[in-house]
Amino acid sequence: MEIHDIIKNRWSPVAFSDEPVNDDLLDSLFEAARWAPSSYNAQPWKFMVGRKGEETYALLFDLLKDMNKRWAHTAPVLVLSMAEMVPPGRSSENRFAFHDTGMAVGNLLAQATNVGLQVHQMGGYDVEGARSALQLPPNMEPAAMMAIGFKGDPSNLPDEVAAREERPRERKGLEEFVFSKKF
């Protein structure tokens, strides 16, 4: 079975080059995210963007767990994805907000791969700290942190971190997650 190269070539590196990501390339990622499908067309995704050297980058970096700080400092861009849980004009929660935000990030990942950028998503950050430091409204839920940039040289990282770049990319077999009868 043939899978599109953009999907096959997507990678989550831990080594990024220090080459800056220009505005056009970065904007193309968010433009791709913009076109994701969403329940009731609510488009619940939001992205907090920080470039290295900016206050927002430092704030996002400080929220990372130590294990991610060991390598994420090499990325020129950090982004926090968020889901708006209660859309404007509605009183009830959008139970698909995280799903839809994930769809937007999926588009972002495909576009990044298409333009030669790499993205590594992280759950290892202080979620409550993000709520406070970013002064998020109660209806905004932090999702994943992302490091974005061009692929770098893993030899610039500690050996045990650099070894992650050498591991083969593995995925479960279809029989482990595709069902046609009861679970």
N, C-alpha and C. Protein backbone atom coordinates (compact mmCIF):
# COMPACT_ATOMS: atom_id res chain seq x y z
N MET A 1 0.85 -1.16 0.00
CA MET A 1 0.00 0.00 0.00
C MET A 1 0.90 1.23 0.00
N GLU A 2 0.53 2.22 -0.78
CA GLU A 2 1.33 3.44 -0.93
C GLU A 2 0.81 4.52 0.01
N ILE A 3 1.69 5.07 0.82
CA ILE A 3 1.38 6.17 1.71
C ILE A 3 2.12 7.40 1.20
N HIS A 4 1.49 8.54 1.23
CA HIS A 4 2.09 9.76 0.70
C HIS A 4 3.41 10.07 1.41
N ASP A 5 4.39 10.54 0.65
CA ASP A 5 5.71 10.84 1.20
C ASP A 5 5.67 11.85 2.34
N ILE A 6 4.75 12.82 2.27
CA ILE A 6 4.67 13.81 3.35
C ILE A 6 4.37 13.12 4.67
N ILE A 7 3.53 12.10 4.64
CA ILE A 7 3.20 11.36 5.86
C ILE A 7 4.38 10.48 6.27
N LYS A 8 4.95 9.77 5.31
CA LYS A 8 6.08 8.88 5.62
C LYS A 8 7.31 9.64 6.10
N ASN A 9 7.52 10.83 5.61
CA ASN A 9 8.75 11.58 5.92
C ASN A 9 8.63 12.50 7.13
N ARG A 10 7.43 12.61 7.70
CA ARG A 10 7.29 13.44 8.90
C ARG A 10 8.15 12.84 10.01
N TRP A 11 8.85 13.70 10.71
CA TRP A 11 9.77 13.23 11.74
C TRP A 11 9.74 14.18 12.91
N SER A 12 9.94 13.68 14.11
CA SER A 12 9.99 14.51 15.31
C SER A 12 11.42 14.52 15.85
N PRO A 13 12.26 15.40 15.34
CA PRO A 13 13.66 15.40 15.75
C PRO A 13 13.84 16.03 17.13
N VAL A 14 15.00 15.79 17.71
CA VAL A 14 15.39 16.49 18.93
C VAL A 14 16.57 17.41 18.66
N ALA A 15 17.06 17.41 17.44
CA ALA A 15 18.17 18.29 17.07
C ALA A 15 17.69 19.24 15.98
N PHE A 16 17.77 20.53 16.27
CA PHE A 16 17.38 21.55 15.31
C PHE A 16 18.59 22.42 15.00
N SER A 17 18.64 22.92 13.78
CA SER A 17 19.70 23.87 13.43
C SER A 17 19.33 25.23 13.99
N ASP A 18 20.30 26.12 14.06
CA ASP A 18 20.02 27.47 14.56
C ASP A 18 19.54 28.40 13.45
N GLU A 19 19.33 27.85 12.25
CA GLU A 19 18.81 28.66 11.15
C GLU A 19 17.41 29.17 11.49
N PRO A 20 17.20 30.48 11.42
CA PRO A 20 15.86 31.00 11.74
C PRO A 20 14.83 30.54 10.71
N VAL A 21 13.59 30.48 11.14
CA VAL A 21 12.48 30.16 10.25
C VAL A 21 11.86 31.48 9.82
N ASN A 22 11.87 31.75 8.52
CA ASN A 22 11.35 33.05 8.07
C ASN A 22 9.82 33.11 8.22
N ASP A 23 9.31 34.32 8.22
CA ASP A 23 7.89 34.55 8.45
C ASP A 23 7.01 33.82 7.44
N ASP A 24 7.41 33.81 6.18
CA ASP A 24 6.58 33.16 5.16
C ASP A 24 6.43 31.67 5.42
N LEU A 25 7.54 31.00 5.78
CA LEU A 25 7.46 29.56 6.06
C LEU A 25 6.59 29.30 7.29
N LEU A 26 6.83 30.08 8.34
CA LEU A 26 6.06 29.88 9.56
C LEU A 26 4.58 30.17 9.32
N ASP A 27 4.30 31.24 8.61
CA ASP A 27 2.89 31.56 8.30
C ASP A 27 2.23 30.46 7.49
N SER A 28 3.00 29.79 6.61
CA SER A 28 2.41 28.72 5.81
C SER A 28 1.94 27.56 6.68
N LEU A 29 2.60 27.34 7.82
CA LEU A 29 2.17 26.27 8.74
C LEU A 29 0.81 26.59 9.34
N PHE A 30 0.65 27.85 9.75
CA PHE A 30 -0.62 28.24 10.37
C PHE A 30 -1.72 28.39 9.33
N GLU A 31 -1.36 28.73 8.11
CA GLU A 31 -2.34 28.76 7.02
C GLU A 31 -2.86 27.34 6.76
N ALA A 32 -1.96 26.36 6.79
CA ALA A 32 -2.38 24.97 6.62
C ALA A 32 -3.30 24.55 7.77
N ALA A 33 -2.95 24.95 8.99
CA ALA A 33 -3.79 24.63 10.15
C ALA A 33 -5.18 25.24 9.99
N ARG A 34 -5.23 26.44 9.45
CA ARG A 34 -6.49 27.16 9.28
C ARG A 34 -7.50 26.37 8.46
N TRP A 35 -7.03 25.54 7.53
CA TRP A 35 -7.91 24.82 6.63
C TRP A 35 -8.35 23.45 7.15
N ALA A 36 -8.04 23.15 8.40
CA ALA A 36 -8.45 21.86 8.98
C ALA A 36 -9.97 21.83 9.17
N PRO A 37 -10.54 20.63 9.09
CA PRO A 37 -11.98 20.52 9.38
C PRO A 37 -12.22 20.67 10.87
N SER A 38 -13.44 21.12 11.21
CA SER A 38 -13.80 21.23 12.62
C SER A 38 -15.30 21.10 12.79
N SER A 39 -15.68 20.59 13.93
CA SER A 39 -17.09 20.42 14.26
C SER A 39 -17.79 21.77 14.26
N TYR A 40 -18.89 21.86 13.53
CA TYR A 40 -19.67 23.09 13.39
C TYR A 40 -18.82 24.27 12.89
N ASN A 41 -17.70 23.96 12.25
CA ASN A 41 -16.77 24.97 11.75
C ASN A 41 -16.34 25.94 12.86
N ALA A 42 -16.22 25.42 14.08
CA ALA A 42 -15.86 26.26 15.23
C ALA A 42 -14.39 26.70 15.19
N GLN A 43 -13.55 25.93 14.51
CA GLN A 43 -12.11 26.24 14.41
C GLN A 43 -11.55 26.63 15.78
N PRO A 44 -11.56 25.69 16.74
CA PRO A 44 -11.22 26.01 18.13
C PRO A 44 -9.73 26.14 18.43
N TRP A 45 -8.88 25.97 17.44
CA TRP A 45 -7.43 26.00 17.69
C TRP A 45 -6.90 27.42 17.81
N LYS A 46 -5.94 27.53 18.70
CA LYS A 46 -5.20 28.78 18.91
C LYS A 46 -3.74 28.38 19.07
N PHE A 47 -2.83 29.26 18.68
CA PHE A 47 -1.40 28.97 18.77
C PHE A 47 -0.66 30.16 19.37
N MET A 48 0.08 29.93 20.44
CA MET A 48 0.96 30.93 21.03
C MET A 48 2.35 30.66 20.46
N VAL A 49 2.94 31.66 19.78
CA VAL A 49 4.19 31.48 19.05
C VAL A 49 5.30 32.30 19.70
N GLY A 50 6.44 31.66 19.89
CA GLY A 50 7.63 32.35 20.40
C GLY A 50 8.83 32.04 19.54
N ARG A 51 9.55 33.09 19.15
CA ARG A 51 10.80 32.91 18.40
C ARG A 51 11.97 33.12 19.36
N LYS A 52 13.04 32.35 19.14
CA LYS A 52 14.22 32.46 19.99
C LYS A 52 14.65 33.91 20.10
N GLY A 53 14.91 34.35 21.31
CA GLY A 53 15.30 35.73 21.56
C GLY A 53 14.14 36.61 21.99
N GLU A 54 12.91 36.10 21.84
CA GLU A 54 11.73 36.86 22.24
C GLU A 54 11.26 36.43 23.63
N GLU A 55 10.53 37.31 24.28
CA GLU A 55 10.00 37.04 25.61
C GLU A 55 9.09 35.81 25.61
N THR A 56 8.25 35.68 24.58
CA THR A 56 7.32 34.54 24.53
C THR A 56 8.06 33.22 24.43
N TYR A 57 9.15 33.19 23.68
CA TYR A 57 9.97 31.98 23.57
C TYR A 57 10.48 31.59 24.96
N ALA A 58 11.05 32.56 25.67
CA ALA A 58 11.59 32.29 27.00
C ALA A 58 10.50 31.79 27.94
N LEU A 59 9.33 32.38 27.85
CA LEU A 59 8.21 31.98 28.69
C LEU A 59 7.81 30.54 28.39
N LEU A 60 7.67 30.21 27.10
CA LEU A 60 7.30 28.85 26.71
C LEU A 60 8.39 27.85 27.10
N PHE A 61 9.63 28.23 26.88
CA PHE A 61 10.75 27.35 27.22
C PHE A 61 10.77 27.05 28.72
N ASP A 62 10.53 28.06 29.53
CA ASP A 62 10.54 27.87 30.98
C ASP A 62 9.45 26.91 31.44
N LEU A 63 8.38 26.76 30.67
CA LEU A 63 7.30 25.85 31.02
C LEU A 63 7.65 24.39 30.74
N LEU A 64 8.66 24.14 29.91
CA LEU A 64 9.02 22.77 29.55
C LEU A 64 9.60 22.01 30.73
N LYS A 65 9.34 20.70 30.74
CA LYS A 65 9.96 19.81 31.73
C LYS A 65 11.45 19.72 31.39
N ASP A 66 12.26 19.41 32.39
CA ASP A 66 13.71 19.37 32.20
C ASP A 66 14.14 18.45 31.07
N MET A 67 13.46 17.30 30.92
CA MET A 67 13.85 16.35 29.87
C MET A 67 13.73 16.99 28.48
N ASN A 68 12.75 17.86 28.29
CA ASN A 68 12.59 18.54 26.99
C ASN A 68 13.52 19.75 26.86
N LYS A 69 13.83 20.38 27.97
CA LYS A 69 14.75 21.53 27.92
C LYS A 69 16.14 21.11 27.44
N ARG A 70 16.49 19.84 27.63
CA ARG A 70 17.82 19.35 27.26
C ARG A 70 18.06 19.46 25.76
N TRP A 71 17.00 19.46 24.97
CA TRP A 71 17.17 19.53 23.52
C TRP A 71 16.37 20.66 22.87
N ALA A 72 15.24 21.06 23.45
CA ALA A 72 14.34 22.02 22.79
C ALA A 72 14.98 23.39 22.62
N HIS A 73 15.99 23.70 23.38
CA HIS A 73 16.68 24.99 23.25
C HIS A 73 17.31 25.16 21.87
N THR A 74 17.47 24.07 21.12
CA THR A 74 18.05 24.16 19.78
C THR A 74 17.03 24.63 18.75
N ALA A 75 15.75 24.56 19.06
CA ALA A 75 14.70 24.95 18.10
C ALA A 75 14.55 26.46 18.07
N PRO A 76 14.46 27.05 16.89
CA PRO A 76 14.30 28.51 16.81
C PRO A 76 12.88 29.00 17.10
N VAL A 77 11.91 28.09 17.10
CA VAL A 77 10.52 28.47 17.34
C VAL A 77 9.88 27.48 18.32
N LEU A 78 9.17 28.01 19.30
CA LEU A 78 8.35 27.19 20.19
C LEU A 78 6.91 27.66 20.04
N VAL A 79 5.99 26.71 20.04
CA VAL A 79 4.57 27.01 19.86
C VAL A 79 3.78 26.18 20.86
N LEU A 80 2.79 26.80 21.47
CA LEU A 80 1.84 26.08 22.31
C LEU A 80 0.51 26.05 21.58
N SER A 81 0.00 24.85 21.29
CA SER A 81 -1.34 24.73 20.71
C SER A 81 -2.34 24.70 21.85
N MET A 82 -3.50 25.30 21.59
CA MET A 82 -4.55 25.38 22.60
C MET A 82 -5.90 25.12 21.93
N ALA A 83 -6.83 24.63 22.73
CA ALA A 83 -8.18 24.36 22.25
C ALA A 83 -9.16 25.25 23.00
N GLU A 84 -9.97 25.97 22.24
CA GLU A 84 -11.04 26.79 22.82
C GLU A 84 -12.22 25.86 23.09
N MET A 85 -12.47 25.59 24.36
CA MET A 85 -13.43 24.56 24.74
C MET A 85 -14.88 24.99 24.60
N VAL A 86 -15.17 26.27 24.79
CA VAL A 86 -16.53 26.79 24.63
C VAL A 86 -16.46 27.88 23.56
N PRO A 87 -17.02 27.59 22.38
CA PRO A 87 -16.95 28.57 21.30
C PRO A 87 -17.73 29.85 21.63
N PRO A 88 -17.33 30.96 21.05
CA PRO A 88 -18.07 32.21 21.26
C PRO A 88 -19.55 32.03 20.87
N GLY A 89 -20.42 32.56 21.69
CA GLY A 89 -21.85 32.49 21.40
C GLY A 89 -22.51 31.21 21.85
N ARG A 90 -21.73 30.28 22.43
CA ARG A 90 -22.31 29.03 22.91
C ARG A 90 -22.10 28.92 24.41
N SER A 91 -22.98 28.19 25.06
CA SER A 91 -22.85 28.01 26.51
C SER A 91 -22.33 26.62 26.86
N SER A 92 -22.32 25.72 25.89
CA SER A 92 -21.88 24.35 26.19
C SER A 92 -20.50 24.09 25.59
N GLU A 93 -19.83 23.14 26.23
CA GLU A 93 -18.47 22.77 25.80
C GLU A 93 -18.50 22.03 24.46
N ASN A 94 -17.53 22.32 23.63
CA ASN A 94 -17.34 21.62 22.36
C ASN A 94 -16.50 20.38 22.66
N ARG A 95 -17.15 19.23 22.73
CA ARG A 95 -16.42 18.01 23.09
C ARG A 95 -15.44 17.57 22.02
N PHE A 96 -15.47 18.20 20.85
CA PHE A 96 -14.55 17.88 19.77
C PHE A 96 -13.39 18.87 19.65
N ALA A 97 -13.29 19.80 20.60
CA ALA A 97 -12.28 20.86 20.49
C ALA A 97 -10.86 20.30 20.41
N PHE A 98 -10.53 19.31 21.24
CA PHE A 98 -9.19 18.73 21.17
C PHE A 98 -8.98 17.96 19.88
N HIS A 99 -9.99 17.22 19.47
CA HIS A 99 -9.90 16.49 18.20
C HIS A 99 -9.64 17.46 17.06
N ASP A 100 -10.41 18.54 17.01
CA ASP A 100 -10.28 19.51 15.93
C ASP A 100 -8.94 20.23 15.98
N THR A 101 -8.47 20.53 17.18
CA THR A 101 -7.14 21.16 17.32
C THR A 101 -6.07 20.20 16.82
N GLY A 102 -6.24 18.91 17.12
CA GLY A 102 -5.31 17.90 16.60
C GLY A 102 -5.34 17.83 15.08
N MET A 103 -6.52 17.99 14.49
CA MET A 103 -6.62 18.01 13.03
C MET A 103 -5.85 19.20 12.46
N ALA A 104 -5.96 20.35 13.10
CA ALA A 104 -5.23 21.54 12.65
C ALA A 104 -3.73 21.32 12.78
N VAL A 105 -3.31 20.70 13.87
CA VAL A 105 -1.88 20.41 14.04
C VAL A 105 -1.43 19.39 13.01
N GLY A 106 -2.27 18.42 12.68
CA GLY A 106 -1.93 17.46 11.62
C GLY A 106 -1.66 18.17 10.30
N ASN A 107 -2.50 19.14 9.96
CA ASN A 107 -2.25 19.93 8.76
C ASN A 107 -0.94 20.70 8.87
N LEU A 108 -0.70 21.27 10.04
CA LEU A 108 0.54 22.02 10.28
C LEU A 108 1.75 21.10 10.08
N LEU A 109 1.68 19.88 10.61
CA LEU A 109 2.79 18.93 10.46
C LEU A 109 3.03 18.57 9.01
N ALA A 110 1.95 18.35 8.26
CA ALA A 110 2.11 18.01 6.83
C ALA A 110 2.75 19.17 6.08
N GLN A 111 2.30 20.38 6.36
CA GLN A 111 2.87 21.54 5.69
C GLN A 111 4.34 21.73 6.07
N ALA A 112 4.66 21.53 7.33
CA ALA A 112 6.05 21.65 7.77
C ALA A 112 6.93 20.67 7.00
N THR A 113 6.50 19.43 6.90
CA THR A 113 7.26 18.43 6.15
C THR A 113 7.39 18.85 4.69
N ASN A 114 6.33 19.38 4.13
CA ASN A 114 6.32 19.80 2.73
C ASN A 114 7.33 20.92 2.45
N VAL A 115 7.53 21.83 3.42
CA VAL A 115 8.43 22.98 3.20
C VAL A 115 9.81 22.77 3.82
N GLY A 116 10.10 21.56 4.31
CA GLY A 116 11.43 21.25 4.81
C GLY A 116 11.66 21.58 6.27
N LEU A 117 10.59 21.84 7.01
CA LEU A 117 10.72 22.10 8.45
C LEU A 117 10.42 20.82 9.22
N GLN A 118 10.87 20.80 10.45
CA GLN A 118 10.63 19.68 11.35
C GLN A 118 9.85 20.20 12.56
N VAL A 119 9.01 19.36 13.10
CA VAL A 119 8.22 19.72 14.29
C VAL A 119 8.29 18.56 15.28
N HIS A 120 8.55 18.89 16.52
CA HIS A 120 8.51 17.88 17.59
C HIS A 120 7.47 18.35 18.60
N GLN A 121 6.44 17.54 18.78
CA GLN A 121 5.38 17.87 19.74
C GLN A 121 5.75 17.33 21.12
N MET A 122 5.36 18.09 22.15
CA MET A 122 5.71 17.71 23.52
C MET A 122 4.51 17.85 24.44
N GLY A 123 4.32 16.85 25.27
CA GLY A 123 3.35 16.94 26.35
C GLY A 123 4.04 17.26 27.65
N GLY A 124 5.37 17.19 27.66
CA GLY A 124 6.14 17.42 28.87
C GLY A 124 6.37 18.90 29.15
N TYR A 125 5.33 19.52 29.69
CA TYR A 125 5.43 20.93 30.11
C TYR A 125 4.42 21.16 31.22
N ASP A 126 4.56 22.28 31.91
CA ASP A 126 3.72 22.62 33.04
C ASP A 126 2.41 23.24 32.54
N VAL A 127 1.36 22.44 32.46
CA VAL A 127 0.08 22.90 31.94
C VAL A 127 -0.52 23.99 32.82
N GLU A 128 -0.53 23.77 34.12
CA GLU A 128 -1.08 24.79 35.02
C GLU A 128 -0.25 26.07 34.97
N GLY A 129 1.07 25.91 34.86
CA GLY A 129 1.94 27.07 34.71
C GLY A 129 1.63 27.84 33.44
N ALA A 130 1.29 27.12 32.38
CA ALA A 130 0.93 27.77 31.11
C ALA A 130 -0.35 28.59 31.27
N ARG A 131 -1.32 28.02 31.95
CA ARG A 131 -2.58 28.75 32.18
C ARG A 131 -2.29 30.09 32.87
N SER A 132 -1.47 30.03 33.89
CA SER A 132 -1.17 31.21 34.68
C SER A 132 -0.26 32.19 33.93
N ALA A 133 0.87 31.71 33.42
CA ALA A 133 1.85 32.59 32.78
C ALA A 133 1.29 33.27 31.53
N LEU A 134 0.44 32.55 30.81
CA LEU A 134 -0.13 33.10 29.57
C LEU A 134 -1.46 33.78 29.81
N GLN A 135 -1.93 33.75 31.05
CA GLN A 135 -3.21 34.36 31.43
C GLN A 135 -4.34 33.88 30.53
N LEU A 136 -4.42 32.56 30.38
CA LEU A 136 -5.44 31.98 29.51
C LEU A 136 -6.82 32.13 30.13
N PRO A 137 -7.81 32.44 29.29
CA PRO A 137 -9.18 32.48 29.80
C PRO A 137 -9.63 31.07 30.18
N PRO A 138 -10.65 30.95 31.03
CA PRO A 138 -11.08 29.63 31.52
C PRO A 138 -11.50 28.66 30.41
N ASN A 139 -11.92 29.16 29.27
CA ASN A 139 -12.38 28.26 28.21
C ASN A 139 -11.24 27.81 27.29
N MET A 140 -9.99 28.21 27.57
CA MET A 140 -8.85 27.85 26.73
C MET A 140 -8.04 26.77 27.41
N GLU A 141 -7.88 25.62 26.74
CA GLU A 141 -7.14 24.48 27.28
C GLU A 141 -5.82 24.33 26.55
N PRO A 142 -4.68 24.36 27.26
CA PRO A 142 -3.40 24.08 26.61
C PRO A 142 -3.41 22.65 26.08
N ALA A 143 -2.86 22.45 24.90
CA ALA A 143 -2.78 21.11 24.30
C ALA A 143 -1.32 20.67 24.29
N ALA A 144 -0.63 20.80 23.16
CA ALA A 144 0.76 20.34 23.06
C ALA A 144 1.69 21.51 22.78
N MET A 145 2.88 21.41 23.28
CA MET A 145 3.95 22.34 22.94
C MET A 145 4.65 21.77 21.71
N MET A 146 5.14 22.64 20.85
CA MET A 146 5.85 22.20 19.65
C MET A 146 7.15 22.97 19.48
N ALA A 147 8.21 22.26 19.14
CA ALA A 147 9.47 22.86 18.73
C ALA A 147 9.49 22.80 17.21
N ILE A 148 9.83 23.92 16.56
CA ILE A 148 9.79 23.98 15.10
C ILE A 148 11.10 24.56 14.59
N GLY A 149 11.62 23.96 13.52
CA GLY A 149 12.84 24.47 12.90
C GLY A 149 13.33 23.51 11.83
N PHE A 150 14.53 23.78 11.36
CA PHE A 150 15.18 22.90 10.39
C PHE A 150 15.98 21.85 11.14
N LYS A 151 16.12 20.68 10.54
CA LYS A 151 16.85 19.58 11.17
C LYS A 151 18.28 20.02 11.46
N GLY A 152 18.75 19.64 12.65
CA GLY A 152 20.08 20.00 13.08
C GLY A 152 20.98 18.79 13.26
N ASP A 153 22.12 19.03 13.83
CA ASP A 153 23.14 18.01 14.05
C ASP A 153 23.00 17.45 15.46
N PRO A 154 22.63 16.17 15.58
CA PRO A 154 22.45 15.58 16.91
C PRO A 154 23.73 15.52 17.73
N SER A 155 24.90 15.62 17.08
CA SER A 155 26.15 15.54 17.84
C SER A 155 26.33 16.75 18.75
N ASN A 156 25.48 17.78 18.59
CA ASN A 156 25.54 18.95 19.45
C ASN A 156 24.75 18.76 20.74
N LEU A 157 24.15 17.59 20.90
CA LEU A 157 23.33 17.29 22.08
C LEU A 157 24.02 16.27 22.97
N PRO A 158 23.61 16.15 24.22
CA PRO A 158 24.14 15.07 25.07
C PRO A 158 23.90 13.71 24.39
N ASP A 159 24.83 12.79 24.59
CA ASP A 159 24.80 11.49 23.89
C ASP A 159 23.47 10.77 24.02
N GLU A 160 22.91 10.71 25.24
CA GLU A 160 21.67 9.97 25.43
C GLU A 160 20.48 10.64 24.73
N VAL A 161 20.55 11.96 24.56
CA VAL A 161 19.51 12.68 23.84
C VAL A 161 19.71 12.47 22.33
N ALA A 162 20.94 12.60 21.89
CA ALA A 162 21.25 12.43 20.47
C ALA A 162 20.89 11.03 19.97
N ALA A 163 20.97 10.04 20.84
CA ALA A 163 20.65 8.67 20.45
C ALA A 163 19.20 8.54 19.98
N ARG A 164 18.33 9.44 20.44
CA ARG A 164 16.93 9.40 20.02
C ARG A 164 16.80 9.61 18.51
N GLU A 165 17.72 10.36 17.92
CA GLU A 165 17.68 10.62 16.48
C GLU A 165 18.00 9.37 15.67
N GLU A 166 18.73 8.46 16.27
CA GLU A 166 19.19 7.27 15.57
C GLU A 166 18.21 6.10 15.65
N ARG A 167 17.27 6.19 16.57
CA ARG A 167 16.31 5.09 16.72
C ARG A 167 15.45 4.95 15.47
N PRO A 168 15.15 3.72 15.10
CA PRO A 168 14.23 3.55 13.96
C PRO A 168 12.83 4.03 14.33
N ARG A 169 12.14 4.55 13.36
CA ARG A 169 10.77 5.01 13.55
C ARG A 169 9.87 3.79 13.53
N GLU A 170 9.14 3.57 14.60
CA GLU A 170 8.29 2.39 14.73
C GLU A 170 6.84 2.80 14.91
N ARG A 171 5.95 1.98 14.38
CA ARG A 171 4.52 2.19 14.52
C ARG A 171 3.85 0.84 14.77
N LYS A 172 2.75 0.85 15.50
CA LYS A 172 1.98 -0.36 15.74
C LYS A 172 1.42 -0.86 14.42
N GLY A 173 1.17 -2.17 14.36
CA GLY A 173 0.52 -2.76 13.19
C GLY A 173 -0.97 -2.43 13.20
N LEU A 174 -1.58 -2.42 12.01
CA LEU A 174 -3.00 -2.09 11.90
C LEU A 174 -3.87 -2.98 12.77
N GLU A 175 -3.47 -4.24 12.91
CA GLU A 175 -4.27 -5.18 13.70
C GLU A 175 -4.36 -4.77 15.18
N GLU A 176 -3.50 -3.87 15.61
CA GLU A 176 -3.51 -3.43 16.99
C GLU A 176 -4.47 -2.27 17.25
N PHE A 177 -4.97 -1.63 16.19
CA PHE A 177 -5.84 -0.47 16.43
C PHE A 177 -7.00 -0.32 15.48
N VAL A 178 -7.17 -1.23 14.56
CA VAL A 178 -8.32 -1.18 13.64
C VAL A 178 -9.23 -2.37 13.95
N PHE A 179 -10.51 -2.09 14.25
CA PHE A 179 -11.44 -3.13 14.65
C PHE A 179 -12.70 -3.06 13.80
N SER A 180 -13.34 -4.21 13.63
CA SER A 180 -14.60 -4.23 12.89
C SER A 180 -15.75 -4.80 13.72
N LYS A 181 -15.41 -5.30 14.89
CA LYS A 181 -16.44 -5.83 15.79
C LYS A 181 -16.26 -5.19 17.14
N LYS A 182 -16.83 -5.78 18.14
CA LYS A 182 -16.68 -5.22 19.48
C LYS A 182 -15.22 -5.11 19.84
N PHE A 183 -14.92 -4.13 20.65
CA PHE A 183 -13.56 -3.86 21.07
C PHE A 183 -12.99 -5.07 21.81
